[in-house]
Amino acid sequence: MTATASGGGVVRLHRLTMIDEDDGVMVGRPDTASYALFPPEGAEALRMLDSGATVAAVAEWYRHTCEETLDVDDFLGTLDELGFLRAEGEPEPTRPRVRWRRLGRWTFSGPAWLCYVALLVAAVVAMARDDSLRPSYHQVFFTDHLALIPLTMTAVQIPCILVHEAFHALAGRRLGLPSTLRISRRLYFIVAETRLDSLLSVPRRRRYLPFLAGMLADVLIICAMTLLAPALRGTALPAWCPALCLATAFSCVLRLLWQLMFYLQTDLYFVMANALRCSDLHNATRSYLRTLLRRLLRRPVAEPDEQWTDRDRAMARVYAPFLVAGYGFSLGSLLWAALPATVHFGTLLVDRFRGGASTSGVVDAVSFLGLTALQFGLLGYIAVRDRRAGRTSPQGALG
C-alpha cells in the first residue's frame, strides 16, 4: 500500500467483485472469500481507487457528493482488514484454475435435464403401479441382522452424500466458482458441507441452481433406486438386494424432508434467504420471534440490534412462519419415520436380550448398540471441535 495516513497517495487493490444488493453493494475478493456490504458511495470510492485515483481525490469527491468528510484512515483500515489492499510490489494472485468446469456444464445441460425429467416420470409411474415401491420406514429393515442395517446404510449413504455434494460443487464450478468440502453438524445431525462462499460474487438469480443442485441429486437417486429395485427382483441376486435399493431411496427421502427444517439453515433456507434478498435472515428472524414471544409474555423487550440490515428485519416477518414450519416438519418427520423405526429397533433388542435369541443374535444386538454409541460419540467430537474453533455454519455452507 502506498497511501499515507493523511490520505494523499495512491492505493492498489486486489481484483474485487461488486454485486448490487438492496441495502448496498456486496464487494468481495473471491480468492480469499472475503466479502462485505458497502454503501453505494463506498463502492464508487473503491471503483475510483481501482481506476488509479488518489486517496485525496476520492476524499474530495466524497465530500462534494455526500456532503460530509471521509474518514480516510478508517476507510483504508477497513479495506486492509478485509484484505482488499495490495502492498507495493505485491503481485496480483493468479486466479486458481477451477477444475471440472466442463463437467459441471454437461451435468446441467439441456440433454441432461431431459434425462432427469424422464427418470422422474418413470419412477412416479412405477410407484403409482406398485405401492411396495412407495417410501416407508419399513424399508429400512431390509435384513434381520440389526448390526448390518447401520453398517450397510452408512456404506451406501457415503456415495449418496458425495453425489449430493458433488452436484452442489458442479453447479458452482460451471460458473467458475471454487468449492471445498468439510464434515460438520446441524443440531444433532452429522452432515457434509460444500463451501461456496464465492457465490456472493455472482448475481442472486445465478445462485439458485447451486443451492438446489444437491436436492436434485437426491431426487435422481430416489428415482434410480426405485426403478432398480423391481428390476432386481426375480434375478439370481439375494432377496435383500432390491430391499436395500428401497432402503437407500427412503434414506434420500428423509434427507429431502430434512431440507424443510429451515431452522437448521439447510439448502432451502438459502433459497428462501436469496429470494427475499437478505444477508442474515435466520438470526434476524430468531430475534424477531424472541421479541414477539416476550411481548406475548408481557416481558421487557430488548432494543433492536443494528447488526442486521433493514431488509433482514423487514423480511423476518415474512420468513417467521417458514421458520416455525421448519420445526413442525422436524417433529413430523420424527413421528413419521425416526420414532417408529427407533421403537421397532428397541422391541427387537429387548426380545433378544430377554433370552429368546441365539448367541449370534445377542452378539448382533450388542454390535448394533456399539455402532449407535459410536455415531453419537462422533457427533459429540464434532460438536466439541467446532465449539473450540468458534465455528458456526457459514452463509455459503450447503449441506
Protein backbone atom coordinates (compact mmCIF):
# COMPACT_ATOMS: atom_id res chain seq x y z
CA MET A 1 0.00 0.00 0.00
CA THR A 2 1.45 3.38 -0.99
CA ALA A 3 -1.21 5.58 0.60
CA THR A 4 -0.14 7.64 3.58
CA ALA A 5 -2.08 8.16 6.77
CA SER A 6 -3.08 11.59 5.56
CA GLY A 7 -4.74 10.01 2.58
CA GLY A 8 -2.77 11.76 -0.19
CA GLY A 9 -1.32 8.78 -2.04
CA VAL A 10 -2.45 6.00 -4.34
CA VAL A 11 -3.54 2.57 -3.17
CA ARG A 12 -3.52 -0.67 -5.09
CA LEU A 13 -6.47 -3.01 -4.79
CA HIS A 14 -6.78 -6.72 -5.38
CA ARG A 15 -9.23 -7.90 -8.01
CA LEU A 16 -12.68 -7.30 -6.49
CA THR A 17 -16.22 -8.19 -7.47
CA MET A 18 -19.16 -5.86 -6.89
CA ILE A 19 -22.76 -7.08 -6.86
CA ASP A 20 -25.65 -4.65 -6.30
CA GLU A 21 -27.88 -5.57 -3.37
CA ASP A 22 -30.97 -3.90 -1.93
CA ASP A 23 -29.04 -2.46 1.02
CA GLY A 24 -25.83 -1.62 -0.79
CA VAL A 25 -23.13 -3.27 -2.87
CA MET A 26 -21.58 -6.63 -1.96
CA VAL A 27 -17.85 -6.17 -2.50
CA GLY A 28 -15.66 -9.23 -2.32
CA ARG A 29 -12.41 -10.90 -3.08
CA PRO A 30 -13.30 -14.39 -4.33
CA ASP A 31 -9.79 -15.86 -3.97
CA THR A 32 -9.88 -15.33 -0.17
CA ALA A 33 -13.70 -15.47 0.30
CA SER A 34 -13.63 -12.04 1.97
CA TYR A 35 -16.89 -10.11 1.46
CA ALA A 36 -18.53 -7.02 2.93
CA LEU A 37 -21.61 -4.93 2.18
CA PHE A 38 -20.64 -1.36 1.24
CA PRO A 39 -22.95 1.62 0.75
CA PRO A 40 -23.18 2.68 -2.92
CA GLU A 41 -20.89 5.68 -2.37
CA GLY A 42 -18.31 3.42 -0.69
CA ALA A 43 -18.37 1.05 -3.66
CA GLU A 44 -17.96 4.00 -6.03
CA ALA A 45 -14.96 5.16 -4.00
CA LEU A 46 -13.42 1.71 -4.48
CA ARG A 47 -14.03 1.93 -8.23
CA MET A 48 -12.24 5.28 -8.30
CA LEU A 49 -9.29 3.90 -6.36
CA ASP A 50 -9.13 0.90 -8.67
CA SER A 51 -9.04 3.21 -11.70
CA GLY A 52 -5.97 5.00 -10.31
CA ALA A 53 -7.46 7.98 -8.49
CA THR A 54 -5.55 9.21 -5.45
CA VAL A 55 -6.99 8.92 -1.99
CA ALA A 56 -7.10 12.72 -1.79
CA ALA A 57 -9.16 12.89 -4.98
CA VAL A 58 -11.55 10.25 -3.66
CA ALA A 59 -11.91 12.10 -0.35
CA GLU A 60 -12.68 15.32 -2.23
CA TRP A 61 -15.25 13.58 -4.42
CA TYR A 62 -16.87 12.06 -1.32
CA ARG A 63 -17.07 15.47 0.38
CA HIS A 64 -18.85 17.01 -2.60
CA THR A 65 -21.14 14.03 -3.23
CA CYS A 66 -22.14 13.06 0.32
CA GLU A 67 -21.63 16.50 1.91
CA GLU A 68 -19.52 15.00 4.69
CA THR A 69 -15.86 14.24 5.30
CA LEU A 70 -14.49 10.80 4.56
CA ASP A 71 -12.53 9.29 7.46
CA VAL A 72 -9.61 8.19 5.29
CA ASP A 73 -7.73 6.28 7.99
CA ASP A 74 -10.83 4.33 8.99
CA PHE A 75 -11.72 3.64 5.36
CA LEU A 76 -8.24 2.36 4.50
CA GLY A 77 -8.10 0.37 7.74
CA THR A 78 -11.36 -1.38 6.84
CA LEU A 79 -10.03 -2.22 3.38
CA ASP A 80 -6.83 -3.57 4.93
CA GLU A 81 -8.75 -5.76 7.41
CA LEU A 82 -10.79 -7.20 4.55
CA GLY A 83 -7.62 -7.96 2.62
CA PHE A 84 -8.61 -5.72 -0.29
CA LEU A 85 -5.39 -3.67 -0.29
CA ARG A 86 -2.36 -4.81 -2.27
CA ALA A 87 1.07 -3.82 -0.97
CA GLU A 88 3.63 -2.05 -3.13
CA GLY A 89 5.31 -4.62 -5.36
CA GLU A 90 2.90 -7.38 -4.36
CA PRO A 91 1.78 -9.23 -7.50
CA GLU A 92 -1.89 -9.87 -8.10
CA PRO A 93 -2.59 -13.52 -7.19
CA THR A 94 -3.31 -15.60 -10.23
CA ARG A 95 -6.83 -16.94 -10.42
CA PRO A 96 -6.87 -20.59 -9.34
CA ARG A 97 -7.87 -22.96 -12.07
CA VAL A 98 -11.35 -24.30 -11.37
CA ARG A 99 -11.40 -27.97 -12.25
CA TRP A 100 -14.41 -29.91 -13.53
CA ARG A 101 -15.99 -26.80 -15.02
CA ARG A 102 -16.83 -28.56 -18.28
CA LEU A 103 -18.34 -31.50 -16.38
CA GLY A 104 -20.49 -29.02 -14.47
CA ARG A 105 -21.79 -27.57 -17.72
CA TRP A 106 -22.60 -31.04 -19.07
CA THR A 107 -24.32 -32.06 -15.81
CA PHE A 108 -26.78 -29.18 -16.11
CA SER A 109 -27.09 -29.02 -19.89
CA GLY A 110 -30.34 -29.29 -21.84
CA PRO A 111 -29.94 -33.01 -22.74
CA ALA A 112 -29.10 -33.81 -19.11
CA TRP A 113 -32.30 -32.11 -17.91
CA LEU A 114 -34.34 -34.15 -20.41
CA CYS A 115 -32.83 -37.35 -18.97
CA TYR A 116 -33.58 -36.21 -15.43
CA VAL A 117 -37.24 -35.50 -16.27
CA ALA A 118 -37.61 -38.89 -18.00
CA LEU A 119 -36.15 -40.67 -14.96
CA LEU A 120 -38.52 -38.81 -12.61
CA VAL A 121 -41.61 -39.62 -14.71
CA ALA A 122 -40.65 -43.31 -14.92
CA ALA A 123 -40.19 -43.55 -11.14
CA VAL A 124 -43.52 -41.84 -10.40
CA VAL A 125 -45.33 -44.20 -12.77
CA ALA A 126 -43.63 -47.21 -11.11
CA MET A 127 -44.72 -46.04 -7.64
CA ALA A 128 -48.27 -45.50 -8.85
CA ARG A 129 -48.45 -49.06 -10.19
CA ASP A 130 -46.68 -50.80 -7.28
CA ASP A 131 -47.33 -49.47 -3.77
CA SER A 132 -44.42 -51.52 -2.37
CA LEU A 133 -42.10 -49.04 -4.10
CA ARG A 134 -43.52 -46.07 -2.22
CA PRO A 135 -41.37 -44.68 0.63
CA SER A 136 -41.99 -46.26 4.04
CA TYR A 137 -39.92 -46.66 7.21
CA HIS A 138 -40.43 -50.45 6.90
CA GLN A 139 -37.96 -50.36 4.01
CA VAL A 140 -35.14 -49.66 6.46
CA PHE A 141 -35.42 -53.23 7.77
CA PHE A 142 -34.07 -54.96 4.68
CA THR A 143 -32.42 -57.68 6.82
CA ASP A 144 -32.99 -59.41 10.17
CA HIS A 145 -29.39 -58.72 11.26
CA LEU A 146 -29.66 -55.47 13.22
CA ALA A 147 -25.95 -54.66 13.19
CA LEU A 148 -25.86 -54.94 9.41
CA ILE A 149 -28.51 -52.24 8.99
CA PRO A 150 -26.46 -49.23 10.24
CA LEU A 151 -23.26 -50.63 8.74
CA THR A 152 -24.78 -51.18 5.32
CA MET A 153 -26.79 -47.96 5.34
CA THR A 154 -23.69 -45.99 6.27
CA ALA A 155 -21.77 -47.67 3.47
CA VAL A 156 -24.42 -46.88 0.85
CA GLN A 157 -25.05 -43.38 2.17
CA ILE A 158 -21.44 -42.29 1.74
CA PRO A 159 -21.62 -42.34 -2.09
CA CYS A 160 -25.13 -40.81 -1.95
CA ILE A 161 -23.87 -37.91 0.15
CA LEU A 162 -20.86 -37.48 -2.12
CA VAL A 163 -23.17 -37.28 -5.15
CA HIS A 164 -25.32 -34.71 -3.30
CA GLU A 165 -22.31 -32.54 -2.50
CA ALA A 166 -20.79 -33.09 -5.96
CA PHE A 167 -23.91 -31.63 -7.57
CA HIS A 168 -23.56 -28.55 -5.34
CA ALA A 169 -19.92 -28.22 -6.34
CA LEU A 170 -20.51 -28.82 -10.06
CA ALA A 171 -23.32 -26.28 -10.15
CA GLY A 172 -20.88 -23.73 -8.75
CA ARG A 173 -17.91 -24.81 -10.84
CA ARG A 174 -19.87 -24.40 -14.05
CA LEU A 175 -19.83 -20.69 -13.10
CA GLY A 176 -16.10 -20.81 -12.41
CA LEU A 177 -16.56 -20.80 -8.62
CA PRO A 178 -14.25 -22.91 -6.40
CA SER A 179 -15.62 -25.04 -3.58
CA THR A 180 -14.45 -27.07 -0.58
CA LEU A 181 -15.96 -29.97 1.38
CA ARG A 182 -15.92 -30.50 5.15
CA ILE A 183 -17.73 -32.57 7.80
CA SER A 184 -19.83 -30.63 10.29
CA ARG A 185 -23.09 -30.90 12.20
CA ARG A 186 -26.51 -29.23 12.26
CA LEU A 187 -28.16 -29.61 15.65
CA TYR A 188 -27.67 -33.37 16.31
CA PHE A 189 -27.14 -34.31 12.64
CA ILE A 190 -23.73 -35.12 11.20
CA VAL A 191 -23.56 -33.53 7.76
CA ALA A 192 -21.18 -32.91 4.88
CA GLU A 193 -20.98 -29.26 3.82
CA THR A 194 -19.93 -27.79 0.49
CA ARG A 195 -18.44 -24.33 0.96
CA LEU A 196 -19.38 -21.97 -1.88
CA ASP A 197 -18.59 -18.58 -0.35
CA SER A 198 -17.76 -17.21 -3.81
CA LEU A 199 -21.48 -17.37 -4.69
CA LEU A 200 -21.59 -13.84 -3.28
CA SER A 201 -19.59 -12.73 -6.32
CA VAL A 202 -22.38 -13.65 -8.78
CA PRO A 203 -25.88 -12.12 -9.16
CA ARG A 204 -28.60 -13.60 -6.97
CA ARG A 205 -30.51 -15.13 -9.88
CA ARG A 206 -27.49 -17.35 -10.66
CA ARG A 207 -27.27 -18.74 -7.12
CA TYR A 208 -30.45 -20.82 -7.17
CA LEU A 209 -29.08 -23.81 -9.09
CA PRO A 210 -26.04 -24.24 -6.79
CA PHE A 211 -28.41 -24.05 -3.81
CA LEU A 212 -30.85 -26.66 -5.20
CA ALA A 213 -28.42 -28.95 -7.02
CA GLY A 214 -27.96 -31.26 -4.02
CA MET A 215 -31.70 -31.84 -3.70
CA LEU A 216 -31.81 -32.60 -7.42
CA ALA A 217 -29.17 -35.29 -6.84
CA ASP A 218 -31.27 -36.79 -4.02
CA VAL A 219 -34.36 -36.93 -6.25
CA LEU A 220 -32.37 -38.64 -9.01
CA ILE A 221 -31.01 -41.25 -6.57
CA ILE A 222 -34.52 -41.94 -5.26
CA CYS A 223 -35.81 -42.42 -8.80
CA ALA A 224 -32.89 -44.63 -9.82
CA MET A 225 -33.15 -46.86 -6.72
CA THR A 226 -36.95 -47.11 -7.08
CA LEU A 227 -36.60 -48.35 -10.67
CA LEU A 228 -33.65 -50.63 -9.87
CA ALA A 229 -35.46 -52.50 -7.05
CA PRO A 230 -38.16 -54.18 -9.22
CA ALA A 231 -35.59 -54.83 -11.93
CA LEU A 232 -33.54 -56.92 -9.45
CA ARG A 233 -36.49 -58.96 -8.22
CA GLY A 234 -36.57 -62.46 -9.59
CA THR A 235 -32.88 -62.42 -10.53
CA ALA A 236 -30.10 -64.60 -9.14
CA LEU A 237 -29.20 -61.87 -6.63
CA PRO A 238 -30.20 -62.30 -2.94
CA ALA A 239 -33.64 -61.00 -1.95
CA TRP A 240 -32.11 -58.29 0.22
CA CYS A 241 -30.56 -56.53 -2.82
CA PRO A 242 -33.81 -54.96 -4.11
CA ALA A 243 -34.81 -54.30 -0.48
CA LEU A 244 -31.54 -52.43 0.03
CA CYS A 245 -32.29 -50.28 -3.04
CA LEU A 246 -35.58 -49.21 -1.48
CA ALA A 247 -33.89 -48.58 1.88
CA THR A 248 -31.39 -46.33 0.11
CA ALA A 249 -34.22 -44.47 -1.64
CA PHE A 250 -36.03 -44.00 1.68
CA SER A 251 -32.92 -42.54 3.32
CA CYS A 252 -32.72 -39.99 0.50
CA VAL A 253 -36.40 -39.15 1.08
CA LEU A 254 -35.53 -38.39 4.70
CA ARG A 255 -32.72 -36.14 3.51
CA LEU A 256 -35.19 -34.23 1.35
CA LEU A 257 -37.52 -33.84 4.33
CA TRP A 258 -34.56 -32.63 6.36
CA GLN A 259 -34.15 -29.77 3.90
CA LEU A 260 -37.52 -28.44 5.09
CA MET A 261 -36.07 -27.86 8.55
CA PHE A 262 -35.26 -24.22 7.78
CA TYR A 263 -34.04 -23.53 11.30
CA LEU A 264 -31.02 -25.76 10.57
CA GLN A 265 -30.04 -23.43 7.68
CA THR A 266 -30.49 -26.11 5.06
CA ASP A 267 -30.32 -25.69 1.28
CA LEU A 268 -33.92 -24.48 1.15
CA TYR A 269 -33.13 -21.84 3.75
CA PHE A 270 -30.52 -20.35 1.45
CA VAL A 271 -33.04 -20.40 -1.39
CA MET A 272 -35.53 -18.54 0.79
CA ALA A 273 -32.95 -16.00 2.01
CA ASN A 274 -31.76 -15.40 -1.55
CA ALA A 275 -35.32 -14.94 -2.85
CA LEU A 276 -36.05 -12.44 -0.07
CA ARG A 277 -32.72 -10.68 -0.82
CA CYS A 278 -31.43 -10.95 2.75
CA SER A 279 -27.95 -11.43 4.15
CA ASP A 280 -28.64 -12.77 7.68
CA LEU A 281 -32.31 -13.72 7.61
CA HIS A 282 -32.01 -16.62 10.06
CA ASN A 283 -30.67 -14.68 13.04
CA ALA A 284 -32.84 -11.64 12.30
CA THR A 285 -35.94 -13.87 12.34
CA ARG A 286 -34.93 -15.60 15.55
CA SER A 287 -34.56 -12.18 17.16
CA TYR A 288 -37.98 -11.17 15.83
CA LEU A 289 -39.62 -14.31 17.24
CA ARG A 290 -37.92 -13.82 20.62
CA THR A 291 -39.20 -10.25 20.72
CA LEU A 292 -42.70 -11.39 19.75
CA LEU A 293 -42.68 -14.05 22.47
CA ARG A 294 -41.50 -11.59 25.12
CA ARG A 295 -44.29 -9.22 24.16
CA LEU A 296 -46.87 -12.00 24.46
CA LEU A 297 -45.49 -12.82 27.90
CA ARG A 298 -45.50 -9.10 28.77
CA ARG A 299 -41.78 -9.13 29.46
CA PRO A 300 -39.30 -6.32 28.68
CA VAL A 301 -38.25 -6.14 25.03
CA ALA A 302 -34.61 -5.55 24.11
CA GLU A 303 -33.60 -2.68 21.86
CA PRO A 304 -33.39 -3.55 18.13
CA ASP A 305 -29.98 -4.91 17.15
CA GLU A 306 -28.27 -2.82 14.49
CA GLN A 307 -26.19 -5.69 13.13
CA TRP A 308 -28.98 -6.67 10.71
CA THR A 309 -29.99 -4.69 7.67
CA ASP A 310 -33.36 -3.04 7.29
CA ARG A 311 -34.19 -5.68 4.66
CA ASP A 312 -33.42 -8.51 7.11
CA ARG A 313 -35.64 -7.01 9.77
CA ALA A 314 -38.47 -6.36 7.31
CA MET A 315 -38.36 -9.86 5.80
CA ALA A 316 -38.14 -11.53 9.23
CA ARG A 317 -41.92 -11.16 9.47
CA VAL A 318 -42.34 -12.98 6.16
CA TYR A 319 -39.89 -15.74 6.99
CA ALA A 320 -41.03 -16.35 10.57
CA PRO A 321 -43.89 -18.75 9.59
CA PHE A 322 -41.45 -20.78 7.50
CA LEU A 323 -39.01 -20.99 10.40
CA VAL A 324 -41.79 -22.22 12.69
CA ALA A 325 -42.92 -24.64 9.96
CA GLY A 326 -39.37 -26.00 9.89
CA TYR A 327 -39.73 -27.05 13.50
CA GLY A 328 -43.07 -28.60 12.56
CA PHE A 329 -41.54 -30.62 9.73
CA SER A 330 -38.76 -31.71 12.07
CA LEU A 331 -41.30 -33.02 14.58
CA GLY A 332 -43.44 -34.52 11.80
CA SER A 333 -40.57 -36.46 10.22
CA LEU A 334 -39.56 -37.64 13.69
CA LEU A 335 -43.05 -39.01 14.34
CA TRP A 336 -43.43 -40.45 10.83
CA ALA A 337 -40.11 -42.23 10.42
CA ALA A 338 -37.48 -41.86 13.14
CA LEU A 339 -39.65 -42.65 16.16
CA PRO A 340 -41.41 -45.73 14.69
CA ALA A 341 -38.09 -47.07 13.45
CA THR A 342 -36.49 -46.48 16.87
CA VAL A 343 -39.38 -48.23 18.64
CA HIS A 344 -39.07 -51.16 16.26
CA PHE A 345 -35.33 -51.39 16.89
CA GLY A 346 -35.93 -51.21 20.64
CA THR A 347 -38.52 -54.01 20.53
CA LEU A 348 -36.14 -56.26 18.63
CA LEU A 349 -33.31 -55.54 21.07
CA VAL A 350 -35.47 -56.26 24.12
CA ASP A 351 -36.63 -59.55 22.63
CA ARG A 352 -33.07 -60.64 22.01
CA PHE A 353 -31.76 -59.68 25.43
CA ARG A 354 -34.61 -61.47 27.18
CA GLY A 355 -33.13 -64.77 26.12
CA GLY A 356 -35.26 -65.53 23.11
CA ALA A 357 -32.37 -65.21 20.70
CA SER A 358 -29.31 -67.29 19.93
CA THR A 359 -25.79 -66.25 20.87
CA SER A 360 -25.27 -64.81 17.42
CA GLY A 361 -28.48 -62.80 17.85
CA VAL A 362 -27.24 -61.33 21.14
CA VAL A 363 -23.87 -60.51 19.57
CA ASP A 364 -25.74 -58.83 16.72
CA ALA A 365 -27.74 -56.72 19.19
CA VAL A 366 -24.63 -55.72 21.16
CA SER A 367 -22.88 -54.77 17.93
CA PHE A 368 -25.81 -52.58 16.97
CA LEU A 369 -25.70 -50.78 20.32
CA GLY A 370 -21.95 -50.27 19.94
CA LEU A 371 -22.35 -48.76 16.47
CA THR A 372 -25.08 -46.45 17.76
CA ALA A 373 -22.84 -45.30 20.60
CA LEU A 374 -20.02 -44.72 18.09
CA GLN A 375 -22.26 -42.49 15.99
CA PHE A 376 -23.25 -40.33 18.96
CA GLY A 377 -19.61 -40.23 20.05
CA LEU A 378 -18.62 -38.89 16.63
CA LEU A 379 -21.36 -36.28 16.88
CA GLY A 380 -20.04 -35.20 20.27
CA TYR A 381 -16.48 -34.97 18.94
CA ILE A 382 -17.56 -32.71 16.05
CA ALA A 383 -19.58 -30.52 18.43
CA VAL A 384 -16.56 -30.06 20.75
CA ARG A 385 -14.24 -29.43 17.78
CA ASP A 386 -16.48 -26.73 16.34
CA ARG A 387 -17.03 -25.11 19.74
CA ARG A 388 -13.28 -24.91 20.39
CA ALA A 389 -12.74 -23.42 16.94
CA GLY A 390 -15.62 -20.99 17.44
CA ARG A 391 -17.05 -22.28 14.18
CA THR A 392 -20.64 -21.98 13.02
CA SER A 393 -22.32 -22.90 9.76
CA PRO A 394 -21.25 -20.19 7.33
CA GLN A 395 -23.56 -18.41 4.96
CA GLY A 396 -22.09 -20.29 1.99
CA ALA A 397 -22.17 -23.77 3.51
CA LEU A 398 -24.55 -26.08 1.66
CA GLY A 399 -25.44 -29.43 3.17
